[in-house]
C-alpha atoms as a PDB file:
ATOM      1  CA  MET A   1      40.998 149.215  67.260  1.00  0.00           C
ATOM      2  CA  LYS A   2      43.736 150.569  64.978  1.00  0.00           C
ATOM      3  CA  VAL A   3      47.254 150.621  66.448  1.00  0.00           C
ATOM      4  CA  MET A   4      49.168 153.774  65.627  1.00  0.00           C
ATOM      5  CA  ALA A   5      52.891 154.025  64.969  1.00  0.00           C
ATOM      6  CA  ASN A   6      53.411 155.507  68.444  1.00  0.00           C
ATOM      7  CA  THR A   7      55.706 153.540  70.698  1.00  0.00           C
ATOM      8  CA  ASN A   8      56.165 153.393  74.442  1.00  0.00           C
ATOM      9  CA  GLY A   9      59.939 152.983  74.339  1.00  0.00           C
ATOM     10  CA  ASN A  10      59.764 149.196  74.196  1.00  0.00           C
ATOM     11  CA  GLY A  11      58.754 149.170  70.559  1.00  0.00           C
ATOM     12  CA  ASN A  12      55.161 148.327  71.457  1.00  0.00           C
ATOM     13  CA  GLY A  13      52.563 150.408  69.621  1.00  0.00           C
ATOM     14  CA  HIS A  14      49.600 151.975  71.323  1.00  0.00           C
ATOM     15  CA  SER A  15      46.357 153.421  70.076  1.00  0.00           C
ATOM     16  CA  HIS A  16      45.594 157.130  69.977  1.00  0.00           C
ATOM     17  CA  GLU A  17      43.129 156.618  72.839  1.00  0.00           C
ATOM     18  CA  GLN A  18      45.794 154.897  74.935  1.00  0.00           C
ATOM     19  CA  GLY A  19      48.154 157.781  74.237  1.00  0.00           C
ATOM     20  CA  LEU A  20      45.522 160.263  75.405  1.00  0.00           C
ATOM     21  CA  ARG A  21      44.979 158.212  78.565  1.00  0.00           C
ATOM     22  CA  VAL A  22      48.707 158.141  79.312  1.00  0.00           C
ATOM     23  CA  HIS A  23      48.863 161.928  78.766  1.00  0.00           C
ATOM     24  CA  HIS A  24      45.927 162.416  81.144  1.00  0.00           C
ATOM     25  CA  LEU A  25      47.547 160.230  83.818  1.00  0.00           C
ATOM     26  CA  ALA A  26      50.833 162.105  83.437  1.00  0.00           C
ATOM     27  CA  ASN A  27      48.961 165.373  83.971  1.00  0.00           C
ATOM     28  CA  LEU A  28      47.426 163.945  87.154  1.00  0.00           C
ATOM     29  CA  GLY A  29      50.921 163.071  88.341  1.00  0.00           C
ATOM     30  CA  GLY A  30      51.888 166.672  87.656  1.00  0.00           C
ATOM     31  CA  LEU A  31      49.040 167.852  89.884  1.00  0.00           C
ATOM     32  CA  ILE A  32      50.329 165.613  92.676  1.00  0.00           C
ATOM     33  CA  ALA A  33      53.754 167.202  92.253  1.00  0.00           C
ATOM     34  CA  LEU A  34      52.255 170.721  92.296  1.00  0.00           C
ATOM     35  CA  ALA A  35      50.553 169.838  95.571  1.00  0.00           C
ATOM     36  CA  GLY A  36      53.965 168.883  96.974  1.00  0.00           C
ATOM     37  CA  LEU A  37      53.068 165.225  97.446  1.00  0.00           C
ATOM     38  CA  ASP A  38      55.333 163.689  94.802  1.00  0.00           C
ATOM     39  CA  LEU A  39      57.932 162.562  97.356  1.00  0.00           C
ATOM     40  CA  GLU A  40      55.448 160.685  99.520  1.00  0.00           C
ATOM     41  CA  PRO A  41      55.531 156.865  99.425  1.00  0.00           C
ATOM     42  CA  PRO A  42      52.859 155.283  97.203  1.00  0.00           C
ATOM     43  CA  ASP A  43      50.874 153.715 100.079  1.00  0.00           C
ATOM     44  CA  TYR A  44      50.617 157.044 101.908  1.00  0.00           C
ATOM     45  CA  LEU A  45      49.754 158.930  98.730  1.00  0.00           C
ATOM     46  CA  LEU A  46      46.985 156.495  97.804  1.00  0.00           C
ATOM     47  CA  GLY A  47      45.638 156.630 101.372  1.00  0.00           C
ATOM     48  CA  ALA A  48      45.623 160.419 101.258  1.00  0.00           C
ATOM     49  CA  LEU A  49      43.777 160.396  97.940  1.00  0.00           C
ATOM     50  CA  LEU A  50      41.229 157.884  99.250  1.00  0.00           C
ATOM     51  CA  SER A  51      40.696 160.107 102.286  1.00  0.00           C
ATOM     52  CA  VAL A  52      40.191 163.154 100.073  1.00  0.00           C
ATOM     53  CA  ALA A  53      37.746 161.183  97.904  1.00  0.00           C
ATOM     54  CA  GLN A  54      35.646 160.429 101.013  1.00  0.00           C
ATOM     55  CA  GLU A  55      35.742 164.056 102.143  1.00  0.00           C
ATOM     56  CA  THR A  56      34.832 165.279  98.649  1.00  0.00           C
ATOM     57  CA  ARG A  57      31.555 163.373  98.724  1.00  0.00           C
ATOM     58  CA  ARG A  58      30.549 165.296 101.868  1.00  0.00           C
ATOM     59  CA  LEU A  59      31.359 168.800 100.595  1.00  0.00           C
ATOM     60  CA  SER A  60      28.617 171.275  99.834  1.00  0.00           C
ATOM     61  CA  PRO A  61      28.700 173.103  96.492  1.00  0.00           C
ATOM     62  CA  SER A  62      30.139 176.220  98.154  1.00  0.00           C
ATOM     63  CA  GLU A  63      32.844 174.158  99.893  1.00  0.00           C
ATOM     64  CA  ARG A  64      33.727 172.486  96.582  1.00  0.00           C
ATOM     65  CA  GLU A  65      34.037 175.928  94.985  1.00  0.00           C
ATOM     66  CA  ARG A  66      36.378 177.062  97.787  1.00  0.00           C
ATOM     67  CA  VAL A  67      38.605 173.999  97.230  1.00  0.00           C
ATOM     68  CA  ALA A  68      38.519 174.504  93.447  1.00  0.00           C
ATOM     69  CA  ARG A  69      39.517 178.144  93.924  1.00  0.00           C
ATOM     70  CA  LEU A  70      42.623 177.027  95.864  1.00  0.00           C
ATOM     71  CA  GLY A  71      43.537 174.772  92.953  1.00  0.00           C
ATOM     72  CA  ARG A  72      42.878 177.452  90.334  1.00  0.00           C
ATOM     73  CA  ASN A  73      45.124 179.900  92.209  1.00  0.00           C
ATOM     74  CA  LYS A  74      47.967 177.349  92.286  1.00  0.00           C
ATOM     75  CA  LEU A  75      47.492 176.534  88.589  1.00  0.00           C
ATOM     76  CA  ASP A  76      47.468 180.255  87.734  1.00  0.00           C
ATOM     77  CA  GLN A  77      50.739 180.737  89.636  1.00  0.00           C
ATOM     78  CA  ARG A  78      52.225 177.760  87.822  1.00  0.00           C
ATOM     79  CA  ALA A  79      51.065 179.070  84.436  1.00  0.00           C
ATOM     80  CA  THR A  80      52.641 182.455  85.160  1.00  0.00           C
ATOM     81  CA  GLY A  81      55.904 180.739  86.068  1.00  0.00           C
ATOM     82  CA  LYS A  82      55.819 178.575  82.952  1.00  0.00           C
ATOM     83  CA  ARG A  83      55.194 181.612  80.738  1.00  0.00           C
ATOM     84  CA  ALA A  84      58.165 183.389  82.322  1.00  0.00           C
ATOM     85  CA  TRP A  85      60.370 180.314  81.802  1.00  0.00           C
ATOM     86  CA  LYS A  86      59.294 179.939  78.157  1.00  0.00           C
ATOM     87  CA  SER A  87      59.935 183.628  77.546  1.00  0.00           C
ATOM     88  CA  TRP A  88      63.421 183.354  79.044  1.00  0.00           C
ATOM     89  CA  GLN A  89      64.047 180.152  77.103  1.00  0.00           C
ATOM     90  CA  ARG A  90      63.058 181.818  73.812  1.00  0.00           C
ATOM     91  CA  ALA A  91      65.276 184.791  74.632  1.00  0.00           C
ATOM     92  CA  GLN A  92      68.198 182.416  75.187  1.00  0.00           C
ATOM     93  CA  ASP A  93      67.313 180.400  72.067  1.00  0.00           C
ATOM     94  CA  LEU A  94      67.221 177.221  74.164  1.00  0.00           C
ATOM     95  CA  HIS A  95      65.360 174.118  73.060  1.00  0.00           C
ATOM     96  CA  GLY A  96      64.111 171.304  75.246  1.00  0.00           C
ATOM     97  CA  LEU A  97      65.144 167.899  73.967  1.00  0.00           C
ATOM     98  CA  THR A  98      64.813 164.432  75.436  1.00  0.00           C
ATOM     99  CA  LEU A  99      67.022 161.687  74.056  1.00  0.00           C
ATOM    100  CA  SER A 100      67.568 158.127  75.156  1.00  0.00           C
ATOM    101  CA  GLY A 101      71.046 156.935  76.041  1.00  0.00           C
ATOM    102  CA  ALA A 102      71.126 154.969  72.797  1.00  0.00           C
ATOM    103  CA  GLN A 103      70.260 158.082  70.785  1.00  0.00           C
ATOM    104  CA  VAL A 104      73.022 160.086  72.504  1.00  0.00           C
ATOM    105  CA  ARG A 105      75.500 157.270  71.764  1.00  0.00           C
ATOM    106  CA  ASP A 106      74.422 157.285  68.105  1.00  0.00           C
ATOM    107  CA  ILE A 107      74.983 161.050  67.828  1.00  0.00           C
ATOM    108  CA  ILE A 108      78.401 160.796  69.466  1.00  0.00           C
ATOM    109  CA  LYS A 109      79.385 158.018  67.024  1.00  0.00           C
ATOM    110  CA  ALA A 110      77.998 160.005  64.069  1.00  0.00           C
ATOM    111  CA  LEU A 111      80.281 162.861  65.108  1.00  0.00           C
ATOM    112  CA  GLY A 112      83.212 160.456  64.879  1.00  0.00           C
ATOM    113  CA  HIS A 113      83.791 159.938  68.593  1.00  0.00           C
ATOM    114  CA  GLN A 114      83.705 156.954  70.922  1.00  0.00           C
ATOM    115  CA  ALA A 115      80.683 156.924  73.250  1.00  0.00           C
ATOM    116  CA  PRO A 116      81.545 156.139  76.883  1.00  0.00           C
ATOM    117  CA  ASP A 117      80.202 152.979  78.513  1.00  0.00           C
ATOM    118  CA  ASP A 118      79.285 154.948  81.656  1.00  0.00           C
ATOM    119  CA  PRO A 119      75.811 156.432  81.000  1.00  0.00           C
ATOM    120  CA  THR A 120      76.492 159.301  83.428  1.00  0.00           C
ATOM    121  CA  ARG A 121      79.250 160.533  81.077  1.00  0.00           C
ATOM    122  CA  LEU A 122      77.153 160.551  77.899  1.00  0.00           C
ATOM    123  CA  VAL A 123      76.047 164.188  78.046  1.00  0.00           C
ATOM    124  CA  LEU A 124      79.593 165.393  78.720  1.00  0.00           C
ATOM    125  CA  ALA A 125      80.924 163.271  75.852  1.00  0.00           C
ATOM    126  CA  LEU A 126      78.226 164.649  73.525  1.00  0.00           C
ATOM    127  CA  SER A 127      79.033 168.209  74.563  1.00  0.00           C
ATOM    128  CA  GLU A 128      82.751 167.602  73.923  1.00  0.00           C
ATOM    129  CA  ALA A 129      82.035 166.018  70.516  1.00  0.00           C
ATOM    130  CA  LEU A 130      79.824 168.950  69.503  1.00  0.00           C
ATOM    131  CA  THR A 131      82.444 171.466  70.666  1.00  0.00           C
ATOM    132  CA  GLU A 132      85.126 169.740  68.598  1.00  0.00           C
ATOM    133  CA  ALA A 133      82.785 169.564  65.602  1.00  0.00           C
ATOM    134  CA  ARG A 134      82.339 173.372  65.721  1.00  0.00           C
ATOM    135  CA  VAL A 135      86.095 174.067  65.687  1.00  0.00           C
END
């Protein structure tokens, strides 16, 4: 199996297939959050999922369709909300960006400023450095 240049944050590479699997698992976590179960403790959540798995095996095709319809409705609502957010974001010319603390420190230093040791102050320090750079 060929290892791609992708990294998991620890510098360890993973294959394309592993990346797809991680993406799939993240999407499943998103479904748990959409169902409002993301704040439940892991043992309860797993028990609930095991219980649902048992119930699922006993559902008739029409009952499965009813359950799937509930899920589709929730996903449709979510998609509508996401489209509205993306539209607003484009109108505001906002861009989503995820940086590690080390990357934020590097940007602050590249702008000629001292990065704070306190990680909770990094975003403020970056904002201040960017503001000064614009002046």
